[in-house]
Amino acid sequence: MSWLKTQAEQAKNQAPQELCPLVVYDGVCRFCNGSVQWLLKRPGANRLHYMAWQSAQRPGFMPFTKGEESPESLWVLSSGGQSYRGSEAALKLAEILGFPWHVLALPARLLPVPARQWLYHQLAARRYRLFGKHESCPIPSPEVRKKFIL
């Protein structure tokens, strides 16, 4: 998996505290963009920051290298160098959002991790076909732009 940086590389290039938690998503995926718009409207998400993994400003602390696409459509980077991907990232977001979302996510936590990741990958692999794809990453509105690394 050449797209994934080694843990040593990630450790020396941790995300700055002020950007954590950082949601890294597929910026051209319509489902992913819709999910970010949904998150922006949730009161518990006010401390989140966002970045499309296609961003030209991709910082060095990213868990995959520039120019390569991640097979994951969602990552969450938190303080202390922790990174979550796929279904773990979705569950981390539910935890960050608090009630009722972390309670609603409990049934997913009961699934064995390999089964949950397999289900996530099935959706992620078909996201463009099911929901469509933007030609380029949509630009956030001025009122929320400060939450994004563009």
N, C-alpha and C. Protein backbone atom coordinates (compact mmCIF):
# COMPACT_ATOMS: atom_id res chain seq x y z
N MET A 1 0.84 -1.19 0.00
CA MET A 1 0.00 0.00 0.00
C MET A 1 0.88 1.24 0.00
N SER A 2 1.32 1.65 -1.14
CA SER A 2 2.22 2.79 -1.21
C SER A 2 1.56 4.10 -0.83
N TRP A 3 0.23 4.17 -0.88
CA TRP A 3 -0.45 5.42 -0.56
C TRP A 3 -0.43 5.72 0.93
N LEU A 4 -0.19 4.74 1.76
CA LEU A 4 -0.24 4.93 3.20
C LEU A 4 1.17 5.21 3.72
N LYS A 5 1.32 6.34 4.41
CA LYS A 5 2.61 6.66 4.99
C LYS A 5 2.90 5.72 6.14
N THR A 6 4.16 5.52 6.43
CA THR A 6 4.52 4.69 7.57
C THR A 6 4.10 5.40 8.85
N GLN A 7 3.92 4.64 9.91
CA GLN A 7 3.53 5.25 11.18
C GLN A 7 4.60 6.22 11.66
N ALA A 8 5.87 5.95 11.40
CA ALA A 8 6.94 6.85 11.81
C ALA A 8 6.82 8.20 11.09
N GLU A 9 6.52 8.16 9.78
CA GLU A 9 6.32 9.40 9.03
C GLU A 9 5.15 10.18 9.58
N GLN A 10 4.04 9.48 9.88
CA GLN A 10 2.87 10.15 10.43
C GLN A 10 3.18 10.77 11.78
N ALA A 11 3.92 10.06 12.62
CA ALA A 11 4.20 10.53 13.98
C ALA A 11 4.99 11.83 13.97
N LYS A 12 5.94 11.94 13.05
CA LYS A 12 6.73 13.18 13.05
C LYS A 12 5.99 14.32 12.33
N ASN A 13 4.91 14.02 11.67
CA ASN A 13 4.13 15.04 10.96
C ASN A 13 2.69 15.05 11.44
N GLN A 14 2.47 15.15 12.75
CA GLN A 14 1.12 15.12 13.29
C GLN A 14 0.37 16.40 12.93
N ALA A 15 -0.94 16.23 12.83
CA ALA A 15 -1.80 17.38 12.54
C ALA A 15 -1.72 18.38 13.69
N PRO A 16 -1.66 19.68 13.38
CA PRO A 16 -1.65 20.68 14.44
C PRO A 16 -2.91 20.57 15.31
N GLN A 17 -2.74 20.77 16.59
CA GLN A 17 -3.84 20.65 17.55
C GLN A 17 -5.06 21.48 17.15
N GLU A 18 -4.82 22.68 16.63
CA GLU A 18 -5.95 23.57 16.29
C GLU A 18 -6.77 23.06 15.10
N LEU A 19 -6.25 22.10 14.36
CA LEU A 19 -7.00 21.53 13.23
C LEU A 19 -7.70 20.22 13.59
N CYS A 20 -7.53 19.75 14.80
CA CYS A 20 -8.10 18.47 15.19
C CYS A 20 -9.40 18.65 15.94
N PRO A 21 -10.35 17.81 15.72
CA PRO A 21 -10.33 16.73 14.75
C PRO A 21 -10.52 17.25 13.32
N LEU A 22 -9.84 16.60 12.41
CA LEU A 22 -9.88 16.96 10.99
C LEU A 22 -10.54 15.83 10.22
N VAL A 23 -11.57 16.17 9.48
CA VAL A 23 -12.28 15.21 8.64
C VAL A 23 -11.72 15.32 7.23
N VAL A 24 -11.13 14.25 6.75
CA VAL A 24 -10.58 14.21 5.40
C VAL A 24 -11.52 13.35 4.57
N TYR A 25 -12.05 13.92 3.51
CA TYR A 25 -13.09 13.24 2.73
C TYR A 25 -12.80 13.35 1.25
N ASP A 26 -13.48 12.55 0.46
CA ASP A 26 -13.36 12.57 -0.99
C ASP A 26 -14.15 13.77 -1.50
N GLY A 27 -13.43 14.80 -1.92
CA GLY A 27 -14.06 16.06 -2.30
C GLY A 27 -14.90 16.03 -3.56
N VAL A 28 -14.70 15.06 -4.43
CA VAL A 28 -15.50 15.01 -5.65
C VAL A 28 -16.70 14.07 -5.52
N CYS A 29 -16.76 13.33 -4.44
CA CYS A 29 -17.88 12.41 -4.20
C CYS A 29 -19.09 13.18 -3.70
N ARG A 30 -20.21 13.05 -4.39
CA ARG A 30 -21.43 13.77 -3.99
C ARG A 30 -21.94 13.31 -2.62
N PHE A 31 -21.85 12.02 -2.33
CA PHE A 31 -22.28 11.52 -1.03
C PHE A 31 -21.39 12.09 0.09
N CYS A 32 -20.09 12.10 -0.15
CA CYS A 32 -19.15 12.60 0.85
C CYS A 32 -19.38 14.09 1.10
N ASN A 33 -19.58 14.86 0.02
CA ASN A 33 -19.86 16.28 0.17
C ASN A 33 -21.18 16.51 0.90
N GLY A 34 -22.18 15.72 0.58
CA GLY A 34 -23.46 15.83 1.29
C GLY A 34 -23.30 15.51 2.76
N SER A 35 -22.45 14.55 3.08
CA SER A 35 -22.19 14.20 4.47
C SER A 35 -21.50 15.34 5.21
N VAL A 36 -20.56 16.01 4.55
CA VAL A 36 -19.89 17.16 5.17
C VAL A 36 -20.90 18.29 5.40
N GLN A 37 -21.78 18.53 4.42
CA GLN A 37 -22.80 19.56 4.60
C GLN A 37 -23.72 19.21 5.77
N TRP A 38 -24.04 17.94 5.91
CA TRP A 38 -24.87 17.48 7.03
C TRP A 38 -24.14 17.73 8.35
N LEU A 39 -22.84 17.38 8.39
CA LEU A 39 -22.04 17.60 9.61
C LEU A 39 -21.99 19.07 9.99
N LEU A 40 -21.85 19.94 9.00
CA LEU A 40 -21.76 21.37 9.28
C LEU A 40 -23.00 21.91 10.00
N LYS A 41 -24.11 21.24 9.84
CA LYS A 41 -25.37 21.68 10.45
C LYS A 41 -25.59 21.09 11.85
N ARG A 42 -24.74 20.19 12.29
CA ARG A 42 -24.89 19.55 13.60
C ARG A 42 -24.20 20.37 14.67
N PRO A 43 -24.89 20.63 15.77
CA PRO A 43 -24.28 21.43 16.84
C PRO A 43 -23.00 20.80 17.41
N GLY A 44 -22.92 19.50 17.50
CA GLY A 44 -21.74 18.85 18.07
C GLY A 44 -20.52 18.89 17.17
N ALA A 45 -20.70 19.33 15.93
CA ALA A 45 -19.60 19.30 14.96
C ALA A 45 -18.86 20.64 14.87
N ASN A 46 -19.14 21.56 15.78
CA ASN A 46 -18.55 22.90 15.66
C ASN A 46 -17.03 22.90 15.82
N ARG A 47 -16.45 21.87 16.40
CA ARG A 47 -14.99 21.83 16.55
C ARG A 47 -14.28 21.09 15.42
N LEU A 48 -15.05 20.55 14.47
CA LEU A 48 -14.45 19.83 13.34
C LEU A 48 -13.88 20.78 12.31
N HIS A 49 -12.83 20.33 11.65
CA HIS A 49 -12.29 21.00 10.46
C HIS A 49 -12.35 19.98 9.32
N TYR A 50 -12.29 20.46 8.09
CA TYR A 50 -12.52 19.61 6.93
C TYR A 50 -11.47 19.85 5.87
N MET A 51 -11.17 18.79 5.13
CA MET A 51 -10.29 18.92 3.99
C MET A 51 -10.57 17.80 3.00
N ALA A 52 -10.74 18.17 1.74
CA ALA A 52 -10.87 17.17 0.68
C ALA A 52 -9.49 16.58 0.46
N TRP A 53 -9.39 15.25 0.27
CA TRP A 53 -8.07 14.68 0.07
C TRP A 53 -7.49 15.03 -1.29
N GLN A 54 -8.25 15.71 -2.14
CA GLN A 54 -7.72 16.21 -3.40
C GLN A 54 -7.15 17.62 -3.25
N SER A 55 -7.19 18.17 -2.04
CA SER A 55 -6.77 19.55 -1.79
C SER A 55 -5.35 19.82 -2.28
N ALA A 56 -5.18 20.97 -2.92
CA ALA A 56 -3.85 21.38 -3.37
C ALA A 56 -2.97 21.73 -2.18
N GLN A 57 -3.58 22.06 -1.06
CA GLN A 57 -2.85 22.45 0.15
C GLN A 57 -2.61 21.28 1.09
N ARG A 58 -2.61 20.08 0.58
CA ARG A 58 -2.48 18.90 1.43
C ARG A 58 -1.21 18.99 2.27
N PRO A 59 -1.39 19.07 3.59
CA PRO A 59 -0.23 19.19 4.47
C PRO A 59 0.54 17.87 4.60
N GLY A 60 1.75 17.95 5.14
CA GLY A 60 2.60 16.79 5.28
C GLY A 60 2.12 15.77 6.29
N PHE A 61 1.19 16.14 7.17
CA PHE A 61 0.73 15.21 8.19
C PHE A 61 -0.36 14.27 7.70
N MET A 62 -0.71 14.35 6.43
CA MET A 62 -1.76 13.49 5.90
C MET A 62 -1.33 12.03 5.95
N PRO A 63 -2.30 11.12 6.16
CA PRO A 63 -1.94 9.70 6.28
C PRO A 63 -1.65 9.01 4.95
N PHE A 64 -1.71 9.73 3.85
CA PHE A 64 -1.35 9.16 2.56
C PHE A 64 -0.64 10.23 1.76
N THR A 65 0.10 9.84 0.75
CA THR A 65 0.97 10.78 0.06
C THR A 65 0.24 11.52 -1.05
N LYS A 66 0.74 12.72 -1.33
CA LYS A 66 0.14 13.56 -2.37
C LYS A 66 0.28 12.89 -3.74
N GLY A 67 -0.75 13.05 -4.54
CA GLY A 67 -0.73 12.49 -5.89
C GLY A 67 -1.30 11.09 -5.96
N GLU A 68 -1.54 10.50 -4.82
CA GLU A 68 -2.13 9.16 -4.80
C GLU A 68 -3.49 9.24 -4.15
N GLU A 69 -4.42 8.48 -4.66
CA GLU A 69 -5.77 8.48 -4.11
C GLU A 69 -5.89 7.44 -3.02
N SER A 70 -6.61 7.81 -2.00
CA SER A 70 -6.88 6.88 -0.92
C SER A 70 -8.08 6.02 -1.30
N PRO A 71 -8.04 4.73 -1.03
CA PRO A 71 -9.21 3.90 -1.29
C PRO A 71 -10.32 4.18 -0.28
N GLU A 72 -10.00 4.88 0.79
CA GLU A 72 -10.99 5.25 1.79
C GLU A 72 -11.61 6.56 1.35
N SER A 73 -12.90 6.72 1.59
CA SER A 73 -13.50 8.00 1.27
C SER A 73 -13.58 8.89 2.49
N LEU A 74 -13.20 8.38 3.67
CA LEU A 74 -13.30 9.16 4.89
C LEU A 74 -12.18 8.82 5.86
N TRP A 75 -11.55 9.86 6.37
CA TRP A 75 -10.55 9.74 7.43
C TRP A 75 -10.89 10.76 8.50
N VAL A 76 -10.59 10.47 9.73
CA VAL A 76 -10.66 11.47 10.80
C VAL A 76 -9.32 11.43 11.51
N LEU A 77 -8.66 12.58 11.55
CA LEU A 77 -7.39 12.71 12.26
C LEU A 77 -7.67 13.46 13.54
N SER A 78 -7.25 12.91 14.65
CA SER A 78 -7.49 13.57 15.92
C SER A 78 -6.17 13.93 16.58
N SER A 79 -6.25 14.70 17.64
CA SER A 79 -5.03 15.11 18.32
C SER A 79 -4.28 13.89 18.83
N GLY A 80 -2.99 14.05 19.00
CA GLY A 80 -2.18 12.95 19.46
C GLY A 80 -1.77 12.00 18.36
N GLY A 81 -2.02 12.34 17.10
CA GLY A 81 -1.60 11.51 15.99
C GLY A 81 -2.51 10.35 15.67
N GLN A 82 -3.64 10.22 16.35
CA GLN A 82 -4.59 9.14 16.06
C GLN A 82 -5.25 9.40 14.71
N SER A 83 -5.35 8.37 13.91
CA SER A 83 -6.12 8.49 12.67
C SER A 83 -7.09 7.33 12.58
N TYR A 84 -8.27 7.64 12.10
CA TYR A 84 -9.34 6.66 11.94
C TYR A 84 -9.74 6.69 10.48
N ARG A 85 -10.06 5.52 9.92
CA ARG A 85 -10.46 5.50 8.52
C ARG A 85 -11.66 4.60 8.34
N GLY A 86 -12.36 4.83 7.25
CA GLY A 86 -13.50 4.00 6.93
C GLY A 86 -14.57 4.01 8.00
N SER A 87 -15.03 2.82 8.37
CA SER A 87 -16.12 2.74 9.35
C SER A 87 -15.68 3.25 10.71
N GLU A 88 -14.40 3.10 11.05
CA GLU A 88 -13.90 3.64 12.32
C GLU A 88 -14.00 5.16 12.33
N ALA A 89 -13.74 5.80 11.20
CA ALA A 89 -13.86 7.25 11.11
C ALA A 89 -15.32 7.68 11.28
N ALA A 90 -16.23 6.96 10.66
CA ALA A 90 -17.66 7.28 10.79
C ALA A 90 -18.10 7.15 12.24
N LEU A 91 -17.64 6.10 12.91
CA LEU A 91 -17.99 5.91 14.32
C LEU A 91 -17.35 6.97 15.20
N LYS A 92 -16.14 7.40 14.87
CA LYS A 92 -15.48 8.48 15.62
C LYS A 92 -16.28 9.77 15.48
N LEU A 93 -16.79 10.03 14.29
CA LEU A 93 -17.62 11.23 14.09
C LEU A 93 -18.89 11.16 14.92
N ALA A 94 -19.51 9.98 14.99
CA ALA A 94 -20.71 9.82 15.83
C ALA A 94 -20.37 10.10 17.29
N GLU A 95 -19.21 9.66 17.72
CA GLU A 95 -18.76 9.91 19.10
C GLU A 95 -18.55 11.41 19.33
N ILE A 96 -17.93 12.09 18.39
CA ILE A 96 -17.67 13.52 18.49
C ILE A 96 -18.99 14.30 18.53
N LEU A 97 -19.96 13.88 17.71
CA LEU A 97 -21.24 14.57 17.66
C LEU A 97 -22.03 14.43 18.95
N GLY A 98 -21.79 13.37 19.69
CA GLY A 98 -22.50 13.19 20.96
C GLY A 98 -23.91 12.67 20.75
N PHE A 99 -24.75 12.91 21.74
CA PHE A 99 -26.13 12.42 21.72
C PHE A 99 -26.92 13.11 20.62
N PRO A 100 -27.74 12.42 19.86
CA PRO A 100 -28.10 11.01 19.89
C PRO A 100 -27.24 10.14 18.98
N TRP A 101 -26.29 10.76 18.27
CA TRP A 101 -25.56 10.06 17.21
C TRP A 101 -24.69 8.94 17.74
N HIS A 102 -24.04 9.15 18.89
CA HIS A 102 -23.19 8.08 19.41
C HIS A 102 -24.04 6.89 19.88
N VAL A 103 -25.27 7.15 20.30
CA VAL A 103 -26.17 6.06 20.69
C VAL A 103 -26.66 5.31 19.44
N LEU A 104 -27.00 6.06 18.41
CA LEU A 104 -27.46 5.44 17.17
C LEU A 104 -26.37 4.60 16.50
N ALA A 105 -25.11 4.90 16.78
CA ALA A 105 -23.99 4.16 16.20
C ALA A 105 -23.67 2.88 16.95
N LEU A 106 -24.28 2.68 18.11
CA LEU A 106 -23.97 1.49 18.92
C LEU A 106 -24.18 0.17 18.18
N PRO A 107 -25.27 -0.01 17.43
CA PRO A 107 -25.41 -1.30 16.71
C PRO A 107 -24.24 -1.57 15.75
N ALA A 108 -23.71 -0.53 15.12
CA ALA A 108 -22.56 -0.73 14.22
C ALA A 108 -21.34 -1.18 15.00
N ARG A 109 -21.18 -0.70 16.21
CA ARG A 109 -20.04 -1.11 17.05
C ARG A 109 -20.12 -2.58 17.45
N LEU A 110 -21.33 -3.14 17.43
CA LEU A 110 -21.50 -4.55 17.79
C LEU A 110 -21.02 -5.49 16.69
N LEU A 111 -20.95 -4.97 15.46
CA LEU A 111 -20.45 -5.80 14.35
C LEU A 111 -18.95 -6.02 14.51
N PRO A 112 -18.47 -7.19 14.16
CA PRO A 112 -17.01 -7.38 14.17
C PRO A 112 -16.36 -6.39 13.19
N VAL A 113 -15.21 -5.87 13.56
CA VAL A 113 -14.53 -4.85 12.75
C VAL A 113 -14.35 -5.29 11.30
N PRO A 114 -13.91 -6.50 11.01
CA PRO A 114 -13.76 -6.89 9.59
C PRO A 114 -15.09 -6.82 8.83
N ALA A 115 -16.19 -7.22 9.45
CA ALA A 115 -17.49 -7.17 8.78
C ALA A 115 -17.91 -5.72 8.55
N ARG A 116 -17.69 -4.88 9.55
CA ARG A 116 -18.05 -3.46 9.43
C ARG A 116 -17.21 -2.78 8.35
N GLN A 117 -15.92 -3.07 8.32
CA GLN A 117 -15.06 -2.47 7.30
C GLN A 117 -15.44 -3.00 5.91
N TRP A 118 -15.79 -4.27 5.81
CA TRP A 118 -16.20 -4.83 4.52
C TRP A 118 -17.45 -4.10 4.02
N LEU A 119 -18.43 -3.89 4.89
CA LEU A 119 -19.64 -3.15 4.50
C LEU A 119 -19.31 -1.73 4.07
N TYR A 120 -18.45 -1.09 4.83
CA TYR A 120 -18.02 0.27 4.49
C TYR A 120 -17.37 0.28 3.10
N HIS A 121 -16.47 -0.66 2.87
CA HIS A 121 -15.77 -0.71 1.58
C HIS A 121 -16.72 -0.99 0.41
N GLN A 122 -17.75 -1.75 0.65
CA GLN A 122 -18.73 -2.00 -0.41
C GLN A 122 -19.40 -0.70 -0.84
N LEU A 123 -19.77 0.12 0.14
CA LEU A 123 -20.37 1.42 -0.17
C LEU A 123 -19.33 2.36 -0.80
N ALA A 124 -18.13 2.42 -0.20
CA ALA A 124 -17.09 3.32 -0.70
C ALA A 124 -16.70 2.99 -2.14
N ALA A 125 -16.64 1.71 -2.47
CA ALA A 125 -16.25 1.30 -3.82
C ALA A 125 -17.30 1.68 -4.86
N ARG A 126 -18.53 1.87 -4.43
CA ARG A 126 -19.63 2.17 -5.35
C ARG A 126 -20.17 3.60 -5.21
N ARG A 127 -19.47 4.43 -4.44
CA ARG A 127 -20.02 5.75 -4.12
C ARG A 127 -20.25 6.62 -5.34
N TYR A 128 -19.37 6.60 -6.32
CA TYR A 128 -19.57 7.41 -7.52
C TYR A 128 -20.75 6.90 -8.35
N ARG A 129 -20.84 5.60 -8.47
CA ARG A 129 -21.92 5.00 -9.26
C ARG A 129 -23.28 5.26 -8.61
N LEU A 130 -23.33 5.16 -7.28
CA LEU A 130 -24.60 5.32 -6.56
C LEU A 130 -25.02 6.78 -6.39
N PHE A 131 -24.05 7.66 -6.13
CA PHE A 131 -24.39 9.03 -5.77
C PHE A 131 -23.86 10.08 -6.74
N GLY A 132 -22.97 9.70 -7.62
CA GLY A 132 -22.43 10.65 -8.59
C GLY A 132 -21.12 11.26 -8.14
N LYS A 133 -20.56 12.06 -9.05
CA LYS A 133 -19.23 12.62 -8.82
C LYS A 133 -19.20 14.04 -9.36
N HIS A 134 -18.64 14.96 -8.61
CA HIS A 134 -18.42 16.33 -9.08
C HIS A 134 -17.20 16.34 -9.99
N GLU A 135 -17.16 17.27 -10.93
CA GLU A 135 -15.98 17.41 -11.79
C GLU A 135 -14.79 17.92 -10.99
N SER A 136 -15.06 18.77 -10.01
CA SER A 136 -14.02 19.27 -9.11
C SER A 136 -14.64 19.45 -7.73
N CYS A 137 -13.81 19.67 -6.75
CA CYS A 137 -14.31 19.83 -5.38
C CYS A 137 -15.11 21.12 -5.26
N PRO A 138 -16.34 21.05 -4.74
CA PRO A 138 -17.11 22.28 -4.53
C PRO A 138 -16.42 23.19 -3.52
N ILE A 139 -16.53 24.48 -3.74
CA ILE A 139 -15.95 25.48 -2.83
C ILE A 139 -16.95 25.75 -1.72
N PRO A 140 -16.51 25.68 -0.46
CA PRO A 140 -17.45 25.95 0.64
C PRO A 140 -17.89 27.41 0.65
N SER A 141 -19.05 27.64 1.23
CA SER A 141 -19.58 29.00 1.32
C SER A 141 -18.69 29.85 2.23
N PRO A 142 -18.70 31.16 2.05
CA PRO A 142 -17.83 32.03 2.85
C PRO A 142 -18.03 31.88 4.37
N GLU A 143 -19.25 31.62 4.82
CA GLU A 143 -19.50 31.53 6.26
C GLU A 143 -18.88 30.29 6.91
N VAL A 144 -18.59 29.25 6.14
CA VAL A 144 -17.97 28.04 6.72
C VAL A 144 -16.55 27.81 6.21
N ARG A 145 -16.07 28.66 5.34
CA ARG A 145 -14.76 28.46 4.71
C ARG A 145 -13.63 28.35 5.72
N LYS A 146 -13.75 29.03 6.85
CA LYS A 146 -12.68 28.99 7.86
C LYS A 146 -12.52 27.59 8.48
N LYS A 147 -13.49 26.72 8.29
CA LYS A 147 -13.44 25.34 8.81
C LYS A 147 -12.72 24.40 7.84
N PHE A 148 -12.34 24.89 6.67
CA PHE A 148 -11.77 24.05 5.61
C PHE A 148 -10.32 24.39 5.33
N ILE A 149 -9.54 23.35 5.03
CA ILE A 149 -8.21 23.53 4.45
C ILE A 149 -8.43 23.38 2.95
N LEU A 150 -8.24 24.43 2.23
CA LEU A 150 -8.47 24.39 0.79
C LEU A 150 -7.14 24.20 0.08
